[in-house]
Amino acid sequence: MAIARVAVRRPVLEWAQQRGRHDNEAMRRRFPAWDRWVAEDVHPTVKQAQDLAAYTHVPFGMLLLETPPTVELPIPDFRVTGAGIAEPSQELLDTIHLNQQRQGWFEDYLTSWGEDELAFVGSARGMEPTDAAALIRTALRYDLPERSKLRSNDEARKHLVRAFEALGGLAVLSSMVGNNTHRLLDREEFRGFTLRSATAPLVFVNANDTKAGQVFSLLHEFAHVWHGDSGVSVGGEPLEEATTDIERWCDTVAAEIAVPRDDLVIRFDATAPRTQELERLASYYRCSTLVVLIRLRDVRLVPQEGFATAYRDEVDRLLTLLGETKRTPGGDFYNNQPFRIGERLSRALISETRRGATPVTDAVRLMAFSSPRLFDEYASRLEGR
């Protein structure tokens, strides 16, 4: 009996390979006949095609197309031109879709309880960046006197997440799709995104970054909430010119929240060695040395001439330090979930499931758990905090 095969065309094979972010060697290891498939000397069997779809995270039906489909983000794309990304990865798409489902559930939950719209969403649209930064800093209790009580970038990150959720928003920080450790998010592709909502604005930050980097990404996404936008951001330190007026505005607001111009002018010690001063100021403001360096340029405390070289030197120094730092384990699974799901959303899901308003299967799916047992254990731990 003839073996059933699927005629997957070369352009579709190469598209699936790119979607899965696998190089040729990886494809050959997984599929010994890969080169023959690409040359269309032979086609994969049905089982091989199903394996290919699973390995590259594309729907099986798309492998049957004559040409690759056009894949677009479901929300505006504010990423910087030149990032080297032809189209969004399946990891990014799946992460957006999962959080859209979470946000949709939470909006319905709020409606059932008669919650009002949040006044701060879109409230800074049309403001000057300095005024918007002051408004957001105050709302998040992130003025310098309050910030001085935070002992690390990790504490600053936790403070910002909790403050935003206390205002009524949802904050999610994760380095992977759901809880799949085999599907890590690419920091070079995106640092965060915002899903606008009048009642449940959601910010997502790619946690595959330093804690200082995550702090700045949070501030950037908060700026989008206060401006009233949905969109994906490349984030990071705003060295390059952003592609849109909105992204430039959010970069400027986030930088002013992180390092207020007037305070920096007073605090900067021009007589101190450059690296020592950058580290001192970064520790004080709870941000990265790169953000401090950029702000020093913005207020003309370091010259524009030669700045690009100084910036690259600082990047190289930080990369060296990062390489010398021992990587720590990912931590306790259940302790990570309030970040990966969002604590406010988690508590609402658990509460609604406990009283029978939400099926356990829906809660497990929205939390990206593999079984109800994980839900029960997580609920028990979170309720005991």
Protein backbone atom coordinates (compact mmCIF):
# COMPACT_ATOMS: atom_id res chain seq x y z
CA MET A 1 0.00 0.00 0.00
CA ALA A 2 1.34 3.45 -0.96
CA ILE A 3 2.36 5.75 1.88
CA ALA A 4 0.18 8.86 2.11
CA ARG A 5 2.28 12.00 1.72
CA VAL A 6 1.56 15.71 2.00
CA ALA A 7 2.73 17.99 -0.81
CA VAL A 8 4.26 20.80 1.26
CA ARG A 9 5.81 23.37 -1.07
CA ARG A 10 9.30 24.75 -0.55
CA PRO A 11 8.21 28.34 0.24
CA VAL A 12 5.83 27.01 2.90
CA LEU A 13 8.53 24.75 4.37
CA GLU A 14 10.94 27.67 4.63
CA TRP A 15 8.23 29.87 6.09
CA ALA A 16 7.43 27.25 8.75
CA GLN A 17 11.15 26.94 9.53
CA GLN A 18 11.41 30.70 10.01
CA ARG A 19 8.25 30.74 12.14
CA GLY A 20 9.71 28.10 14.41
CA ARG A 21 13.07 29.92 14.62
CA HIS A 22 15.02 26.78 13.73
CA ASP A 23 18.19 26.78 11.63
CA ASN A 24 18.93 24.21 8.92
CA GLU A 25 20.96 22.01 11.26
CA ALA A 26 18.09 21.81 13.73
CA MET A 27 15.67 20.90 10.93
CA ARG A 28 18.01 18.19 9.64
CA ARG A 29 18.42 16.70 13.09
CA ARG A 30 14.67 16.56 13.59
CA PHE A 31 13.84 15.56 10.01
CA PRO A 32 16.61 13.60 8.23
CA ALA A 33 14.87 14.11 4.86
CA TRP A 34 14.61 17.89 5.34
CA ASP A 35 16.86 18.80 2.38
CA ARG A 36 14.91 16.46 0.12
CA TRP A 37 11.65 18.03 1.27
CA VAL A 38 12.96 21.50 0.50
CA ALA A 39 14.13 20.34 -2.94
CA GLU A 40 10.69 18.73 -3.34
CA ASP A 41 12.33 15.43 -4.32
CA VAL A 42 10.06 13.77 -1.81
CA HIS A 43 7.22 14.99 0.39
CA PRO A 44 6.71 14.29 4.10
CA THR A 45 4.27 11.65 5.23
CA VAL A 46 1.12 12.76 7.03
CA LYS A 47 2.69 11.93 10.39
CA GLN A 48 5.91 13.79 9.47
CA ALA A 49 3.88 16.82 8.37
CA GLN A 50 1.99 16.75 11.67
CA ASP A 51 5.31 16.58 13.53
CA LEU A 52 6.61 19.47 11.42
CA ALA A 53 3.56 21.58 12.30
CA ALA A 54 4.03 20.86 16.01
CA TYR A 55 7.78 21.51 15.89
CA THR A 56 7.41 24.88 14.13
CA HIS A 57 4.21 25.87 16.00
CA VAL A 58 2.14 26.47 12.88
CA PRO A 59 -1.36 25.09 12.22
CA PHE A 60 -1.24 21.89 10.15
CA GLY A 61 -3.64 23.33 7.57
CA MET A 62 -1.20 26.10 6.68
CA LEU A 63 1.28 23.51 5.43
CA LEU A 64 -1.20 22.66 2.67
CA LEU A 65 -1.11 26.17 1.18
CA GLU A 66 0.64 26.82 -2.13
CA THR A 67 2.29 29.97 -0.77
CA PRO A 68 2.99 31.16 2.79
CA PRO A 69 0.20 33.15 4.44
CA THR A 70 0.59 36.77 5.45
CA VAL A 71 0.75 36.90 9.24
CA GLU A 72 -0.04 40.17 11.00
CA LEU A 73 -0.19 41.23 14.62
CA PRO A 74 -3.70 41.57 16.05
CA ILE A 75 -2.66 44.90 17.64
CA PRO A 76 -0.60 47.85 16.33
CA ASP A 77 3.11 47.24 15.83
CA PHE A 78 5.30 49.97 17.34
CA ARG A 79 8.58 48.05 17.04
CA VAL A 80 11.60 49.94 15.75
CA THR A 81 12.33 49.62 12.05
CA GLY A 82 15.47 47.61 11.39
CA ALA A 83 14.96 45.08 14.19
CA GLY A 84 15.48 42.36 11.62
CA ILE A 85 12.04 40.80 12.13
CA ALA A 86 10.15 40.02 8.94
CA GLU A 87 6.93 39.05 10.71
CA PRO A 88 5.81 38.29 14.27
CA SER A 89 6.89 34.93 15.64
CA GLN A 90 4.34 32.36 16.68
CA GLU A 91 5.58 32.83 20.26
CA LEU A 92 4.66 36.51 20.18
CA LEU A 93 1.30 35.83 18.51
CA ASP A 94 0.40 33.07 20.97
CA THR A 95 1.38 35.27 23.91
CA ILE A 96 -0.80 38.13 22.68
CA HIS A 97 -3.75 35.80 22.03
CA LEU A 98 -3.47 34.18 25.47
CA ASN A 99 -3.44 37.55 27.21
CA GLN A 100 -6.30 38.84 25.09
CA GLN A 101 -8.33 35.85 26.31
CA ARG A 102 -7.34 36.58 29.89
CA GLN A 103 -8.25 40.23 29.52
CA GLY A 104 -11.59 39.34 27.91
CA TRP A 105 -12.45 37.03 30.79
CA PHE A 106 -11.51 39.70 33.33
CA GLU A 107 -13.59 42.37 31.55
CA ASP A 108 -16.62 40.07 31.73
CA TYR A 109 -15.86 39.42 35.40
CA LEU A 110 -15.74 43.16 36.14
CA THR A 111 -18.98 43.74 34.23
CA SER A 112 -20.73 41.09 36.30
CA TRP A 113 -19.69 42.96 39.45
CA GLY A 114 -20.67 46.37 38.04
CA GLU A 115 -17.19 47.88 38.06
CA ASP A 116 -16.75 51.35 36.53
CA GLU A 117 -14.32 52.44 33.83
CA LEU A 118 -10.86 53.54 34.95
CA ALA A 119 -10.30 57.28 34.72
CA PHE A 120 -6.53 57.08 34.21
CA VAL A 121 -6.71 55.11 30.92
CA GLY A 122 -5.96 57.62 28.16
CA SER A 123 -5.84 60.50 30.64
CA ALA A 124 -2.38 61.69 29.54
CA ARG A 125 -3.11 61.87 25.82
CA GLY A 126 -2.13 65.30 24.54
CA MET A 127 0.08 66.08 27.56
CA GLU A 128 3.70 67.10 27.38
CA PRO A 129 5.93 64.14 28.32
CA THR A 130 7.20 65.84 31.49
CA ASP A 131 3.65 66.45 32.74
CA ALA A 132 2.58 62.92 31.84
CA ALA A 133 5.59 61.46 33.65
CA ALA A 134 4.75 63.41 36.80
CA LEU A 135 1.13 62.24 36.62
CA ILE A 136 2.13 58.57 36.24
CA ARG A 137 4.85 58.74 38.90
CA THR A 138 2.36 60.08 41.40
CA ALA A 139 -0.32 57.52 40.50
CA LEU A 140 2.16 54.65 40.91
CA ARG A 141 3.67 56.08 44.10
CA TYR A 142 7.02 56.09 42.34
CA ASP A 143 8.28 59.55 43.21
CA LEU A 144 11.89 59.63 44.37
CA PRO A 145 11.17 59.70 48.14
CA GLU A 146 9.06 56.52 47.84
CA ARG A 147 11.55 54.95 45.43
CA SER A 148 14.42 55.46 47.85
CA LYS A 149 12.83 52.84 50.12
CA LEU A 150 13.20 50.16 47.43
CA ARG A 151 16.41 48.22 47.94
CA SER A 152 16.85 46.67 44.49
CA ASN A 153 15.63 46.67 40.91
CA ASP A 154 13.61 43.58 41.77
CA GLU A 155 11.80 45.47 44.54
CA ALA A 156 11.20 48.34 42.11
CA ARG A 157 9.71 45.90 39.61
CA LYS A 158 7.43 44.34 42.23
CA HIS A 159 6.37 47.76 43.49
CA LEU A 160 5.38 48.93 40.00
CA VAL A 161 3.42 45.76 39.27
CA ARG A 162 1.51 45.95 42.54
CA ALA A 163 0.87 49.69 42.24
CA PHE A 164 -0.53 49.31 38.72
CA GLU A 165 -2.77 46.43 39.74
CA ALA A 166 -3.94 48.41 42.78
CA LEU A 167 -5.12 51.10 40.34
CA GLY A 168 -7.16 48.50 38.46
CA GLY A 169 -4.80 47.31 35.73
CA LEU A 170 -3.38 43.88 34.95
CA ALA A 171 0.37 43.25 34.76
CA VAL A 172 1.99 40.11 33.36
CA LEU A 173 5.74 39.39 33.24
CA SER A 174 6.97 36.21 31.59
CA SER A 175 9.88 34.93 29.53
CA MET A 176 7.91 32.16 27.81
CA VAL A 177 4.63 31.29 26.13
CA GLY A 178 2.33 30.35 28.99
CA ASN A 179 4.39 27.95 31.09
CA ASN A 180 6.19 26.27 28.20
CA THR A 181 9.92 26.40 28.98
CA HIS A 182 10.63 25.19 25.43
CA ARG A 183 9.04 28.30 23.91
CA LEU A 184 11.04 31.22 25.23
CA LEU A 185 10.30 34.78 24.13
CA ASP A 186 12.91 36.67 22.12
CA ARG A 187 13.95 39.93 23.78
CA GLU A 188 15.23 41.22 20.44
CA GLU A 189 11.78 40.75 18.91
CA PHE A 190 9.82 42.63 21.56
CA ARG A 191 10.13 43.86 25.14
CA GLY A 192 6.46 44.31 25.87
CA PHE A 193 2.96 45.10 24.71
CA THR A 194 -0.16 46.83 25.95
CA LEU A 195 -3.78 45.77 25.53
CA ARG A 196 -6.01 48.78 25.98
CA SER A 197 -9.24 48.48 27.94
CA ALA A 198 -11.42 51.02 29.70
CA THR A 199 -11.85 48.63 32.64
CA ALA A 200 -8.91 46.19 32.52
CA PRO A 201 -5.82 47.56 30.73
CA LEU A 202 -3.16 44.85 30.50
CA VAL A 203 0.58 45.33 30.16
CA PHE A 204 2.88 42.45 29.30
CA VAL A 205 6.66 42.63 29.79
CA ASN A 206 9.11 40.14 28.32
CA ALA A 207 10.92 38.85 31.42
CA ASN A 208 13.78 37.50 29.32
CA ASP A 209 15.65 40.65 30.33
CA THR A 210 17.50 42.12 33.29
CA LYS A 211 15.41 43.37 36.21
CA ALA A 212 16.46 46.94 35.36
CA GLY A 213 15.37 46.36 31.77
CA GLN A 214 12.01 45.05 32.94
CA VAL A 215 11.51 48.14 35.10
CA PHE A 216 12.00 50.42 32.10
CA SER A 217 9.73 48.25 29.93
CA LEU A 218 7.01 48.48 32.57
CA LEU A 219 7.28 52.27 32.59
CA HIS A 220 7.14 52.33 28.80
CA GLU A 221 4.00 50.16 28.69
CA PHE A 222 2.38 52.19 31.47
CA ALA A 223 2.93 55.26 29.29
CA HIS A 224 0.94 53.50 26.55
CA VAL A 225 -1.90 52.86 29.02
CA TRP A 226 -2.02 56.49 30.10
CA HIS A 227 -1.90 57.51 26.42
CA GLY A 228 -4.71 55.06 25.66
CA ASP A 229 -3.03 52.69 23.18
CA SER A 230 -2.72 49.03 22.36
CA GLY A 231 0.49 47.92 20.67
CA VAL A 232 3.73 45.93 20.67
CA SER A 233 6.95 47.71 21.57
CA VAL A 234 10.55 46.76 20.97
CA GLY A 235 11.28 48.61 24.20
CA GLY A 236 14.69 48.78 25.77
CA GLU A 237 16.70 51.92 26.27
CA PRO A 238 15.53 54.57 23.77
CA LEU A 239 18.80 55.01 21.87
CA GLU A 240 17.34 54.65 18.40
CA GLU A 241 14.71 56.91 16.93
CA ALA A 242 11.28 55.34 17.41
CA THR A 243 9.09 54.69 14.39
CA THR A 244 5.98 56.60 15.49
CA ASP A 245 5.10 59.73 17.41
CA ILE A 246 3.35 57.56 20.01
CA GLU A 247 6.42 55.42 20.61
CA ARG A 248 8.67 58.48 20.85
CA TRP A 249 6.27 59.99 23.38
CA CYS A 250 6.21 56.79 25.47
CA ASP A 251 10.01 56.51 25.35
CA THR A 252 10.34 60.08 26.58
CA VAL A 253 7.74 59.65 29.31
CA ALA A 254 9.32 56.42 30.57
CA ALA A 255 12.78 57.99 30.63
CA GLU A 256 11.48 61.03 32.55
CA ILE A 257 9.72 58.78 35.08
CA ALA A 258 12.88 56.73 35.54
CA VAL A 259 15.33 59.63 35.71
CA PRO A 260 13.66 63.03 36.28
CA ARG A 261 15.56 65.70 34.40
CA ASP A 262 15.58 68.36 37.12
CA ASP A 263 16.80 65.92 39.76
CA LEU A 264 19.52 64.54 37.50
CA VAL A 265 20.95 67.99 36.86
CA ILE A 266 21.35 68.52 40.60
CA ARG A 267 22.55 65.03 41.45
CA PHE A 268 25.14 64.44 38.70
CA ASP A 269 28.79 64.62 39.79
CA ALA A 270 30.85 65.60 36.75
CA THR A 271 34.11 65.06 38.65
CA ALA A 272 33.50 61.36 39.35
CA PRO A 273 34.77 58.62 37.02
CA ARG A 274 32.16 57.92 34.34
CA THR A 275 31.46 54.25 35.14
CA GLN A 276 31.37 54.87 38.88
CA GLU A 277 28.91 57.73 38.44
CA LEU A 278 26.69 55.75 36.08
CA GLU A 279 26.45 52.91 38.59
CA ARG A 280 25.76 55.28 41.47
CA LEU A 281 22.95 57.03 39.63
CA ALA A 282 21.50 53.78 38.28
CA SER A 283 21.36 52.40 41.81
CA TYR A 284 19.67 55.55 43.08
CA TYR A 285 17.06 55.77 40.29
CA ARG A 286 16.52 51.98 40.12
CA CYS A 287 17.20 51.74 36.39
CA SER A 288 19.98 50.63 34.05
CA THR A 289 23.21 52.55 33.52
CA LEU A 290 22.23 52.84 29.85
CA VAL A 291 19.08 54.79 30.73
CA VAL A 292 21.16 57.09 32.93
CA LEU A 293 23.69 57.61 30.14
CA ILE A 294 20.96 58.50 27.68
CA ARG A 295 19.39 60.92 30.13
CA LEU A 296 22.76 62.58 30.70
CA ARG A 297 22.97 63.11 26.96
CA ASP A 298 19.41 64.46 26.87
CA VAL A 299 20.21 67.12 29.47
CA ARG A 300 23.59 67.84 27.82
CA LEU A 301 25.65 66.69 30.81
CA VAL A 302 27.62 64.43 28.48
CA PRO A 303 28.45 65.62 24.96
CA GLN A 304 26.58 64.40 21.89
CA GLU A 305 29.89 64.03 20.08
CA GLY A 306 31.28 60.59 20.81
CA PHE A 307 28.10 59.49 22.57
CA ALA A 308 27.50 56.49 20.29
CA THR A 309 30.97 55.18 21.16
CA ALA A 310 30.40 55.73 24.88
CA TYR A 311 27.07 53.92 24.65
CA ARG A 312 28.59 50.92 22.84
CA ASP A 313 31.38 50.77 25.41
CA GLU A 314 28.82 50.66 28.22
CA VAL A 315 26.85 47.94 26.42
CA ASP A 316 30.04 45.88 26.06
CA ARG A 317 30.87 46.40 29.74
CA LEU A 318 27.42 45.24 30.81
CA LEU A 319 27.56 42.21 28.53
CA THR A 320 30.89 41.25 30.07
CA LEU A 321 29.43 41.57 33.56
CA LEU A 322 26.40 39.55 32.50
CA GLY A 323 28.65 36.82 31.17
CA GLU A 324 30.51 36.69 34.46
CA THR A 325 27.30 36.44 36.49
CA LYS A 326 26.27 32.93 37.40
CA ARG A 327 22.80 32.13 36.14
CA THR A 328 20.39 31.12 38.87
CA PRO A 329 17.64 28.51 38.54
CA GLY A 330 14.24 29.70 37.36
CA GLY A 331 12.79 29.56 40.88
CA ASP A 332 9.74 27.88 42.33
CA PHE A 333 7.03 27.22 39.74
CA TYR A 334 4.18 28.43 41.92
CA ASN A 335 6.02 31.53 43.11
CA ASN A 336 6.50 32.55 39.46
CA GLN A 337 2.82 32.30 38.55
CA PRO A 338 1.67 35.64 40.07
CA PHE A 339 4.04 37.25 37.56
CA ARG A 340 3.33 34.95 34.59
CA ILE A 341 -0.44 35.18 35.02
CA GLY A 342 -0.83 38.35 37.07
CA GLU A 343 -1.78 38.24 40.74
CA ARG A 344 -5.00 40.22 40.37
CA LEU A 345 -6.22 38.00 37.54
CA SER A 346 -5.13 34.88 39.43
CA ARG A 347 -7.13 35.79 42.53
CA ALA A 348 -10.22 36.62 40.47
CA LEU A 349 -10.01 33.34 38.54
CA ILE A 350 -9.57 31.33 41.73
CA SER A 351 -12.46 33.13 43.44
CA GLU A 352 -14.84 32.66 40.50
CA THR A 353 -13.86 29.01 40.11
CA ARG A 354 -14.35 28.35 43.83
CA ARG A 355 -17.91 29.70 43.70
CA GLY A 356 -18.72 27.80 40.50
CA ALA A 357 -19.04 30.81 38.18
CA THR A 358 -16.06 29.73 36.03
CA PRO A 359 -15.39 26.09 35.03
CA VAL A 360 -12.10 24.65 36.27
CA THR A 361 -11.21 23.78 32.68
CA ASP A 362 -11.46 27.47 31.70
CA ALA A 363 -9.30 28.54 34.64
CA VAL A 364 -6.68 25.91 33.82
CA ARG A 365 -6.59 27.07 30.19
CA LEU A 366 -6.30 30.77 31.04
CA MET A 367 -3.55 30.05 33.56
CA ALA A 368 -1.73 27.89 30.99
CA PHE A 369 -1.61 24.96 33.41
CA SER A 370 -1.39 21.38 32.20
CA SER A 371 -3.81 19.95 34.77
CA PRO A 372 -6.39 20.87 37.43
CA ARG A 373 -3.92 19.59 40.04
CA LEU A 374 -1.60 22.51 39.30
CA PHE A 375 -4.53 24.91 39.61
CA ASP A 376 -5.49 23.49 43.00
CA GLU A 377 -1.94 23.69 44.35
CA TYR A 378 -1.43 27.24 43.03
CA ALA A 379 -4.78 28.35 44.47
CA SER A 380 -3.86 26.87 47.83
CA ARG A 381 -0.52 28.64 47.90
CA LEU A 382 -1.84 31.99 46.70
CA GLU A 383 -4.72 31.95 49.16
CA GLY A 384 -2.22 31.23 51.96
CA ARG A 385 -0.08 34.30 51.20
